[in-house]
């Protein structure tokens, strides 16, 4: 089954929840396509402003950072598409995504939905 995951927040806890979900769906044998939009584009460009929260410190101690989870999921086949329009709104260029190296393409919601087809959609 194809699973589409839409990420809209740069909150590291919310991104951790989404990354765990993505990794679990991949482990279950499902194909996962992620669409990064809104403030999430900033996080995927390495520009998150929420770096010193107690939750972030604890996630680092536990080695459960969202970007590390998604990087580990890449060999399992996750595809990550950043929203072209949200990237422009937040001033994120395609090259900015290379900092974390998680984004496969910058495109539209239409492209994302075509990739997911009749699969299920989850929003974080």
N, C-alpha and C. Protein backbone atom coordinates (compact mmCIF):
# COMPACT_ATOMS: atom_id res chain seq x y z
N UNK A 1 0.83 -1.17 0.00
CA UNK A 1 0.00 0.00 0.00
C UNK A 1 0.88 1.24 0.00
N UNK A 2 0.43 2.28 -0.68
CA UNK A 2 1.14 3.56 -0.65
C UNK A 2 0.56 4.42 0.47
N UNK A 3 1.45 5.09 1.16
CA UNK A 3 1.07 5.98 2.24
C UNK A 3 1.67 7.35 1.96
N UNK A 4 0.84 8.37 2.01
CA UNK A 4 1.29 9.75 1.86
C UNK A 4 1.27 10.43 3.20
N UNK A 5 2.35 11.10 3.53
CA UNK A 5 2.47 11.80 4.81
C UNK A 5 2.73 13.27 4.50
N UNK A 6 1.88 14.15 5.05
CA UNK A 6 2.03 15.58 4.84
C UNK A 6 2.55 16.20 6.13
N UNK A 7 3.68 16.90 6.03
CA UNK A 7 4.29 17.55 7.19
C UNK A 7 4.16 19.06 7.03
N UNK A 8 3.64 19.73 8.07
CA UNK A 8 3.40 21.16 7.98
C UNK A 8 4.10 21.97 9.06
N UNK A 9 4.72 21.32 10.02
CA UNK A 9 5.28 22.01 11.19
C UNK A 9 6.80 21.83 11.27
N UNK A 10 7.45 22.82 11.88
CA UNK A 10 8.88 22.67 12.15
C UNK A 10 9.12 22.28 13.60
N UNK A 11 8.06 21.94 14.33
CA UNK A 11 8.17 21.50 15.72
C UNK A 11 8.90 20.16 15.75
N UNK A 12 10.04 20.06 16.42
CA UNK A 12 10.82 18.82 16.41
C UNK A 12 10.09 17.62 17.01
N UNK A 13 9.21 17.86 17.97
CA UNK A 13 8.44 16.75 18.55
C UNK A 13 7.45 16.22 17.51
N UNK A 14 6.76 17.11 16.82
CA UNK A 14 5.82 16.70 15.77
C UNK A 14 6.56 15.99 14.64
N UNK A 15 7.75 16.49 14.28
CA UNK A 15 8.54 15.84 13.24
C UNK A 15 9.03 14.47 13.68
N UNK A 16 9.38 14.34 14.95
CA UNK A 16 9.76 13.02 15.49
C UNK A 16 8.59 12.04 15.37
N UNK A 17 7.39 12.49 15.74
CA UNK A 17 6.21 11.63 15.64
C UNK A 17 6.00 11.18 14.19
N UNK A 18 6.14 12.11 13.27
CA UNK A 18 5.97 11.78 11.86
C UNK A 18 7.06 10.84 11.37
N UNK A 19 8.30 11.08 11.75
CA UNK A 19 9.41 10.23 11.32
C UNK A 19 9.24 8.80 11.85
N UNK A 20 8.76 8.68 13.07
CA UNK A 20 8.51 7.35 13.63
C UNK A 20 7.41 6.65 12.84
N UNK A 21 6.37 7.39 12.51
CA UNK A 21 5.28 6.81 11.71
C UNK A 21 5.79 6.36 10.34
N UNK A 22 6.57 7.21 9.69
CA UNK A 22 7.12 6.88 8.37
C UNK A 22 7.96 5.60 8.45
N UNK A 23 8.87 5.54 9.42
CA UNK A 23 9.74 4.36 9.56
C UNK A 23 8.93 3.10 9.84
N UNK A 24 7.88 3.23 10.62
CA UNK A 24 7.03 2.08 10.94
C UNK A 24 6.29 1.59 9.70
N UNK A 25 5.74 2.51 8.92
CA UNK A 25 5.05 2.11 7.69
C UNK A 25 6.02 1.43 6.71
N UNK A 26 7.23 1.95 6.61
CA UNK A 26 8.23 1.32 5.75
C UNK A 26 8.57 -0.08 6.26
N UNK A 27 8.73 -0.22 7.56
CA UNK A 27 9.05 -1.53 8.15
C UNK A 27 7.92 -2.52 7.91
N UNK A 28 6.70 -2.03 7.79
CA UNK A 28 5.54 -2.89 7.51
C UNK A 28 5.45 -3.24 6.03
N UNK A 29 6.37 -2.73 5.24
CA UNK A 29 6.40 -3.06 3.82
C UNK A 29 5.63 -2.11 2.93
N UNK A 30 5.20 -1.00 3.46
CA UNK A 30 4.45 -0.03 2.67
C UNK A 30 5.39 0.98 2.02
N UNK A 31 4.96 1.52 0.91
CA UNK A 31 5.69 2.56 0.21
C UNK A 31 5.24 3.90 0.78
N UNK A 32 6.19 4.77 1.13
CA UNK A 32 5.85 6.04 1.77
C UNK A 32 6.40 7.21 0.97
N UNK A 33 5.52 8.19 0.74
CA UNK A 33 5.90 9.44 0.10
C UNK A 33 5.55 10.56 1.08
N UNK A 34 6.51 11.43 1.34
CA UNK A 34 6.33 12.53 2.30
C UNK A 34 6.27 13.84 1.53
N UNK A 35 5.32 14.70 1.92
CA UNK A 35 5.22 16.04 1.34
C UNK A 35 5.49 17.05 2.44
N UNK A 36 6.53 17.85 2.26
CA UNK A 36 6.97 18.84 3.24
C UNK A 36 6.45 20.20 2.79
N UNK A 37 5.64 20.84 3.65
CA UNK A 37 5.08 22.13 3.29
C UNK A 37 5.05 23.04 4.52
N UNK A 38 4.64 24.27 4.33
CA UNK A 38 4.56 25.20 5.45
C UNK A 38 5.90 25.37 6.14
N UNK A 39 5.87 25.55 7.46
CA UNK A 39 7.09 25.76 8.24
C UNK A 39 8.01 24.54 8.24
N UNK A 40 7.49 23.39 7.87
CA UNK A 40 8.33 22.19 7.80
C UNK A 40 9.45 22.37 6.78
N UNK A 41 9.23 23.22 5.78
CA UNK A 41 10.29 23.46 4.80
C UNK A 41 11.53 24.03 5.48
N UNK A 42 11.32 24.86 6.50
CA UNK A 42 12.46 25.43 7.24
C UNK A 42 13.25 24.35 7.95
N UNK A 43 12.56 23.41 8.58
CA UNK A 43 13.24 22.32 9.29
C UNK A 43 14.05 21.47 8.32
N UNK A 44 13.47 21.15 7.17
CA UNK A 44 14.16 20.30 6.20
C UNK A 44 15.32 21.02 5.51
N UNK A 45 15.35 22.36 5.63
CA UNK A 45 16.48 23.13 5.12
C UNK A 45 17.50 23.39 6.23
N UNK A 46 17.27 22.81 7.41
CA UNK A 46 18.20 22.99 8.52
C UNK A 46 18.07 24.33 9.21
N UNK A 47 16.91 24.96 9.08
CA UNK A 47 16.70 26.28 9.66
C UNK A 47 15.69 26.29 10.80
N UNK A 48 15.52 25.20 11.47
CA UNK A 48 14.57 25.15 12.58
C UNK A 48 15.02 26.10 13.68
N UNK A 49 14.06 26.79 14.26
CA UNK A 49 14.37 27.75 15.32
C UNK A 49 14.16 27.14 16.71
N UNK A 50 13.72 25.91 16.77
CA UNK A 50 13.39 25.28 18.05
C UNK A 50 14.46 24.27 18.43
N UNK A 51 15.65 24.76 18.76
CA UNK A 51 16.78 23.88 19.00
C UNK A 51 17.12 23.67 20.47
N UNK A 52 16.70 24.57 21.34
CA UNK A 52 17.13 24.49 22.74
C UNK A 52 16.02 24.15 23.72
N UNK A 53 14.98 23.50 23.26
CA UNK A 53 13.89 23.15 24.16
C UNK A 53 14.28 21.93 24.99
N UNK A 54 13.67 21.73 26.14
CA UNK A 54 13.95 20.53 26.95
C UNK A 54 13.66 19.24 26.17
N UNK A 55 12.61 19.28 25.36
CA UNK A 55 12.28 18.09 24.56
C UNK A 55 13.39 17.76 23.57
N UNK A 56 13.94 18.79 22.93
CA UNK A 56 15.03 18.57 21.97
C UNK A 56 16.25 17.98 22.67
N UNK A 57 16.57 18.50 23.83
CA UNK A 57 17.71 17.98 24.57
C UNK A 57 17.51 16.52 24.92
N UNK A 58 16.30 16.16 25.34
CA UNK A 58 15.99 14.77 25.71
C UNK A 58 16.01 13.86 24.48
N UNK A 59 15.49 14.34 23.35
CA UNK A 59 15.51 13.53 22.13
C UNK A 59 16.95 13.27 21.69
N UNK A 60 17.83 14.26 21.85
CA UNK A 60 19.24 14.07 21.51
C UNK A 60 19.87 13.02 22.41
N UNK A 61 19.55 13.09 23.71
CA UNK A 61 20.08 12.10 24.66
C UNK A 61 19.62 10.69 24.31
N UNK A 62 18.37 10.58 23.85
CA UNK A 62 17.79 9.27 23.52
C UNK A 62 18.12 8.82 22.10
N UNK A 63 18.78 9.69 21.33
CA UNK A 63 19.13 9.40 19.93
C UNK A 63 17.89 9.11 19.09
N UNK A 64 16.89 9.98 19.23
CA UNK A 64 15.66 9.84 18.45
C UNK A 64 15.32 11.15 17.75
N UNK A 65 16.31 11.71 17.08
CA UNK A 65 16.10 12.95 16.33
C UNK A 65 15.36 12.64 15.03
N UNK A 66 14.41 13.48 14.69
CA UNK A 66 13.58 13.24 13.52
C UNK A 66 14.39 13.11 12.23
N UNK A 67 15.39 13.97 12.06
CA UNK A 67 16.16 13.93 10.83
C UNK A 67 17.01 12.66 10.73
N UNK A 68 17.50 12.18 11.87
CA UNK A 68 18.27 10.93 11.88
C UNK A 68 17.36 9.73 11.56
N UNK A 69 16.14 9.76 12.08
CA UNK A 69 15.19 8.68 11.78
C UNK A 69 14.86 8.64 10.29
N UNK A 70 14.63 9.81 9.71
CA UNK A 70 14.32 9.85 8.27
C UNK A 70 15.54 9.47 7.43
N UNK A 71 16.72 9.88 7.85
CA UNK A 71 17.93 9.49 7.12
C UNK A 71 18.10 7.97 7.15
N UNK A 72 17.81 7.36 8.28
CA UNK A 72 17.90 5.90 8.39
C UNK A 72 16.82 5.22 7.55
N UNK A 73 15.70 5.90 7.32
CA UNK A 73 14.60 5.34 6.53
C UNK A 73 14.84 5.45 5.03
N UNK A 74 15.76 6.28 4.62
CA UNK A 74 16.00 6.49 3.19
C UNK A 74 16.34 5.20 2.44
N UNK A 75 17.21 4.33 2.98
CA UNK A 75 17.49 3.08 2.25
C UNK A 75 16.28 2.15 2.14
N UNK A 76 15.26 2.42 2.96
CA UNK A 76 14.04 1.61 2.91
C UNK A 76 13.08 2.13 1.84
N UNK A 77 13.43 3.26 1.20
CA UNK A 77 12.67 3.72 0.05
C UNK A 77 11.76 4.91 0.24
N UNK A 78 11.81 5.61 1.36
CA UNK A 78 10.96 6.79 1.52
C UNK A 78 11.33 7.84 0.48
N UNK A 79 10.32 8.49 -0.07
CA UNK A 79 10.55 9.58 -1.01
C UNK A 79 10.02 10.85 -0.37
N UNK A 80 10.82 11.92 -0.38
CA UNK A 80 10.43 13.17 0.25
C UNK A 80 10.41 14.28 -0.78
N UNK A 81 9.24 14.93 -0.88
CA UNK A 81 9.01 16.02 -1.82
C UNK A 81 8.74 17.29 -1.01
N UNK A 82 9.49 18.35 -1.29
CA UNK A 82 9.24 19.64 -0.65
C UNK A 82 8.31 20.47 -1.54
N UNK A 83 7.41 21.18 -0.91
CA UNK A 83 6.45 22.02 -1.63
C UNK A 83 7.17 23.20 -2.28
N UNK A 84 6.97 23.31 -3.56
CA UNK A 84 7.62 24.38 -4.33
C UNK A 84 7.15 25.76 -3.86
N UNK A 85 5.87 25.94 -3.64
CA UNK A 85 5.34 27.24 -3.26
C UNK A 85 5.72 27.60 -1.83
N UNK A 86 5.59 26.66 -0.88
CA UNK A 86 5.99 26.94 0.51
C UNK A 86 7.48 27.25 0.59
N UNK A 87 8.27 26.57 -0.23
CA UNK A 87 9.70 26.86 -0.26
C UNK A 87 9.95 28.31 -0.65
N UNK A 88 9.20 28.80 -1.63
CA UNK A 88 9.34 30.20 -2.06
C UNK A 88 8.87 31.15 -0.96
N UNK A 89 7.75 30.81 -0.31
CA UNK A 89 7.21 31.67 0.75
C UNK A 89 8.22 31.84 1.87
N UNK A 90 8.88 30.73 2.26
CA UNK A 90 9.82 30.77 3.38
C UNK A 90 11.27 31.01 2.96
N UNK A 91 11.47 31.31 1.68
CA UNK A 91 12.80 31.66 1.20
C UNK A 91 13.78 30.50 1.21
N UNK A 92 13.29 29.32 0.93
CA UNK A 92 14.13 28.12 0.90
C UNK A 92 14.37 27.74 -0.56
N UNK A 93 15.62 27.78 -0.97
CA UNK A 93 15.97 27.37 -2.33
C UNK A 93 16.24 25.88 -2.38
N UNK A 94 16.19 25.32 -3.58
CA UNK A 94 16.43 23.88 -3.72
C UNK A 94 17.76 23.46 -3.12
N UNK A 95 18.78 24.28 -3.27
CA UNK A 95 20.10 23.94 -2.73
C UNK A 95 20.12 23.94 -1.21
N UNK A 96 19.21 24.69 -0.58
CA UNK A 96 19.15 24.73 0.88
C UNK A 96 18.80 23.35 1.48
N UNK A 97 18.07 22.58 0.73
CA UNK A 97 17.68 21.26 1.22
C UNK A 97 18.85 20.28 1.27
N UNK A 98 19.95 20.62 0.64
CA UNK A 98 21.10 19.71 0.64
C UNK A 98 21.78 19.65 2.00
N UNK A 99 21.53 20.63 2.88
CA UNK A 99 22.16 20.63 4.20
C UNK A 99 21.85 19.35 4.96
N UNK A 100 20.58 18.94 4.99
CA UNK A 100 20.21 17.69 5.66
C UNK A 100 20.19 16.52 4.69
N UNK A 101 20.06 16.81 3.40
CA UNK A 101 20.08 15.75 2.40
C UNK A 101 18.89 14.81 2.43
N UNK A 102 17.73 15.30 2.86
CA UNK A 102 16.57 14.43 2.97
C UNK A 102 15.57 14.60 1.84
N UNK A 103 15.58 15.74 1.17
CA UNK A 103 14.59 16.05 0.14
C UNK A 103 15.04 15.50 -1.21
N UNK A 104 14.14 14.75 -1.84
CA UNK A 104 14.43 14.17 -3.16
C UNK A 104 14.05 15.09 -4.30
N UNK A 105 12.99 15.90 -4.08
CA UNK A 105 12.50 16.77 -5.15
C UNK A 105 11.75 17.94 -4.55
N UNK A 106 11.70 19.04 -5.29
CA UNK A 106 10.87 20.18 -4.95
C UNK A 106 9.81 20.25 -6.03
N UNK A 107 8.55 20.11 -5.61
CA UNK A 107 7.47 20.03 -6.59
C UNK A 107 6.16 20.47 -5.95
N UNK A 108 5.06 20.02 -6.52
CA UNK A 108 3.73 20.48 -6.10
C UNK A 108 2.95 19.42 -5.34
N UNK A 109 1.90 19.87 -4.69
CA UNK A 109 0.97 18.96 -4.03
C UNK A 109 0.36 18.01 -5.06
N UNK A 110 0.13 18.52 -6.25
CA UNK A 110 -0.42 17.68 -7.33
C UNK A 110 0.50 16.49 -7.60
N UNK A 111 1.78 16.77 -7.73
CA UNK A 111 2.76 15.70 -7.96
C UNK A 111 2.75 14.69 -6.82
N UNK A 112 2.71 15.20 -5.60
CA UNK A 112 2.66 14.33 -4.42
C UNK A 112 1.43 13.43 -4.46
N UNK A 113 0.27 14.01 -4.71
CA UNK A 113 -0.96 13.21 -4.74
C UNK A 113 -0.96 12.20 -5.88
N UNK A 114 -0.36 12.55 -6.98
CA UNK A 114 -0.22 11.59 -8.09
C UNK A 114 0.66 10.41 -7.65
N UNK A 115 1.70 10.70 -6.91
CA UNK A 115 2.60 9.64 -6.41
C UNK A 115 1.86 8.70 -5.46
N UNK A 116 1.04 9.27 -4.60
CA UNK A 116 0.33 8.47 -3.58
C UNK A 116 -0.83 7.71 -4.21
N UNK A 117 -1.44 8.28 -5.23
CA UNK A 117 -2.56 7.61 -5.89
C UNK A 117 -3.72 7.38 -4.94
N UNK A 118 -4.19 6.15 -4.89
CA UNK A 118 -5.34 5.80 -4.04
C UNK A 118 -4.92 5.37 -2.64
N UNK A 119 -3.67 5.59 -2.29
CA UNK A 119 -3.18 5.22 -0.95
C UNK A 119 -3.78 6.10 0.13
N UNK A 120 -3.39 5.83 1.35
CA UNK A 120 -3.94 6.63 2.46
C UNK A 120 -3.06 7.85 2.71
N UNK A 121 -3.68 8.89 3.29
CA UNK A 121 -2.98 10.13 3.60
C UNK A 121 -3.04 10.38 5.11
N UNK A 122 -1.91 10.83 5.64
CA UNK A 122 -1.80 11.19 7.04
C UNK A 122 -1.14 12.55 7.12
N UNK A 123 -1.66 13.43 7.98
CA UNK A 123 -1.09 14.76 8.13
C UNK A 123 -0.56 14.96 9.54
N UNK A 124 0.64 15.52 9.64
CA UNK A 124 1.24 15.86 10.92
C UNK A 124 1.45 17.35 10.98
